[in-house]
Each structure stands twice: as structure tokens, then as C-alpha cells.
C-alpha atoms as a PDB file:
ATOM      1  CA  MET A   1      99.107 102.900 111.911  1.00  0.00           C
ATOM      2  CA  GLY A   2     100.132 104.626 108.683  1.00  0.00           C
ATOM      3  CA  LYS A   3     100.405 101.318 106.815  1.00  0.00           C
ATOM      4  CA  GLU A   4      96.891 100.278 107.830  1.00  0.00           C
ATOM      5  CA  LEU A   5      95.443 103.680 106.951  1.00  0.00           C
ATOM      6  CA  LEU A   6      97.065 103.842 103.510  1.00  0.00           C
ATOM      7  CA  THR A   7      96.087 100.239 102.747  1.00  0.00           C
ATOM      8  CA  GLU A   8      92.453 101.067 103.588  1.00  0.00           C
ATOM      9  CA  LEU A   9      92.550 104.263 101.514  1.00  0.00           C
ATOM     10  CA  ILE A  10      93.893 102.329  98.519  1.00  0.00           C
ATOM     11  CA  SER A  11      91.108  99.742  98.893  1.00  0.00           C
ATOM     12  CA  LEU A  12      88.463 102.456  99.132  1.00  0.00           C
ATOM     13  CA  ALA A  13      89.828 104.273  96.092  1.00  0.00           C
ATOM     14  CA  ILE A  14      89.763 101.056  94.059  1.00  0.00           C
ATOM     15  CA  SER A  15      86.224 100.198  95.175  1.00  0.00           C
ATOM     16  CA  HIS A  16      85.049 103.677  94.162  1.00  0.00           C
ATOM     17  CA  GLY A  17      86.559 103.372  90.680  1.00  0.00           C
ATOM     18  CA  ALA A  18      89.499 105.764  91.068  1.00  0.00           C
ATOM     19  CA  ARG A  19      92.214 105.424  88.416  1.00  0.00           C
ATOM     20  CA  SER A  20      95.135 106.646  90.508  1.00  0.00           C
ATOM     21  CA  MET A  21      96.184 108.140  93.814  1.00  0.00           C
ATOM     22  CA  ILE A  22      98.512 111.104  94.246  1.00  0.00           C
ATOM     23  CA  GLY A  23     100.820 111.705  97.193  1.00  0.00           C
ATOM     24  CA  VAL A  24     102.171 115.205  97.827  1.00  0.00           C
ATOM     25  CA  VAL A  25     105.211 115.098 100.102  1.00  0.00           C
ATOM     26  CA  ASP A  26     107.953 117.468 101.247  1.00  0.00           C
ATOM     27  CA  ALA A  27     110.767 116.477  98.865  1.00  0.00           C
ATOM     28  CA  THR A  28     113.271 116.258 101.731  1.00  0.00           C
ATOM     29  CA  ASN A  29     111.085 113.800 103.674  1.00  0.00           C
ATOM     30  CA  ILE A  30     112.856 110.629 102.551  1.00  0.00           C
ATOM     31  CA  ARG A  31     111.009 108.470 105.101  1.00  0.00           C
ATOM     32  CA  SER A  32     107.630 109.468 103.685  1.00  0.00           C
ATOM     33  CA  ILE A  33     108.768 109.015 100.087  1.00  0.00           C
ATOM     34  CA  THR A  34     110.145 105.553 100.934  1.00  0.00           C
ATOM     35  CA  PHE A  35     106.890 104.683 102.734  1.00  0.00           C
ATOM     36  CA  HIS A  36     104.836 105.611  99.679  1.00  0.00           C
ATOM     37  CA  LYS A  37     107.148 103.682  97.344  1.00  0.00           C
ATOM     38  CA  LYS A  38     106.734 100.564  99.505  1.00  0.00           C
ATOM     39  CA  HIS A  39     103.009 100.857  98.819  1.00  0.00           C
ATOM     40  CA  GLY A  40     103.319 101.027  95.049  1.00  0.00           C
ATOM     41  CA  PHE A  41     103.744 104.765  94.486  1.00  0.00           C
ATOM     42  CA  HIS A  42     106.273 106.076  91.955  1.00  0.00           C
ATOM     43  CA  GLU A  43     107.839 109.512  91.691  1.00  0.00           C
ATOM     44  CA  ALA A  44     105.813 111.517  89.178  1.00  0.00           C
ATOM     45  CA  GLY A  45     107.273 114.990  89.513  1.00  0.00           C
ATOM     46  CA  LEU A  46     108.767 117.754  91.591  1.00  0.00           C
ATOM     47  CA  LEU A  47     107.299 121.176  92.270  1.00  0.00           C
ATOM     48  CA  ARG A  48     109.960 123.654  93.304  1.00  0.00           C
ATOM     49  CA  GLU A  49     109.408 126.110  96.156  1.00  0.00           C
ATOM     50  CA  VAL A  50     105.641 125.686  96.396  1.00  0.00           C
ATOM     51  CA  GLY A  51     105.470 124.947 100.117  1.00  0.00           C
ATOM     52  CA  HIS A  52     106.394 127.347 102.889  1.00  0.00           C
ATOM     53  CA  LYS A  53     107.052 126.323 106.494  1.00  0.00           C
ATOM     54  CA  PHE A  54     109.092 127.942 109.255  1.00  0.00           C
ATOM     55  CA  ASP A  55     110.259 130.706 106.879  1.00  0.00           C
ATOM     56  CA  ILE A  56     111.690 128.167 104.423  1.00  0.00           C
ATOM     57  CA  TRP A  57     110.442 127.476 100.898  1.00  0.00           C
ATOM     58  CA  LEU A  58     110.014 123.752 100.264  1.00  0.00           C
ATOM     59  CA  ASP A  59     110.054 121.611  97.154  1.00  0.00           C
ATOM     60  CA  VAL A  60     107.217 119.115  96.933  1.00  0.00           C
ATOM     61  CA  ALA A  61     107.517 115.605  95.496  1.00  0.00           C
ATOM     62  CA  LEU A  62     104.523 114.189  93.635  1.00  0.00           C
ATOM     63  CA  LEU A  63     104.058 110.440  93.934  1.00  0.00           C
ATOM     64  CA  GLN A  64     101.470 108.470  91.964  1.00  0.00           C
ATOM     65  CA  ARG A  65     100.015 104.991  92.274  1.00  0.00           C
ATOM     66  CA  MET A  66      97.957 103.656  89.395  1.00  0.00           C
ATOM     67  CA  LEU A  67      95.014 101.629  90.605  1.00  0.00           C
END
């Protein structure tokens, strides 16, 4: 379902004139990062310790797809 949803979101963004899309992902979530890369996203940056979950500070990966 994720593939279909992201494909539709990309199409909608293009049709509305967006220049790029940004993904914000837990930097340790390799499956999600790989998923985004398969759909044309590239690593654009890393924000250190900006997320907090279950008493753990998380780094966040920024992924970008130019449209």
C-alpha cells in the first residue's frame, strides 16, 4: 500500500506545481530510507537528536525528491 500511496502523492505534487518533496525519517529506519530511495529520493541531510520517542533521542534523516 505504501508504494501506491507515495506514487499518488508524487503525482499530485507534480500536478500542483511543487518543485520537490521532502521525507523526514528516523535515521535508523533503513527500510524506510531504502523505500524512499527506490522512489527517487536522495539523502539531503541529517538532523541530530531532534526526535524523541520512548525516552530516546533520535536523529532524523532528510530525503528529497526533485519534481
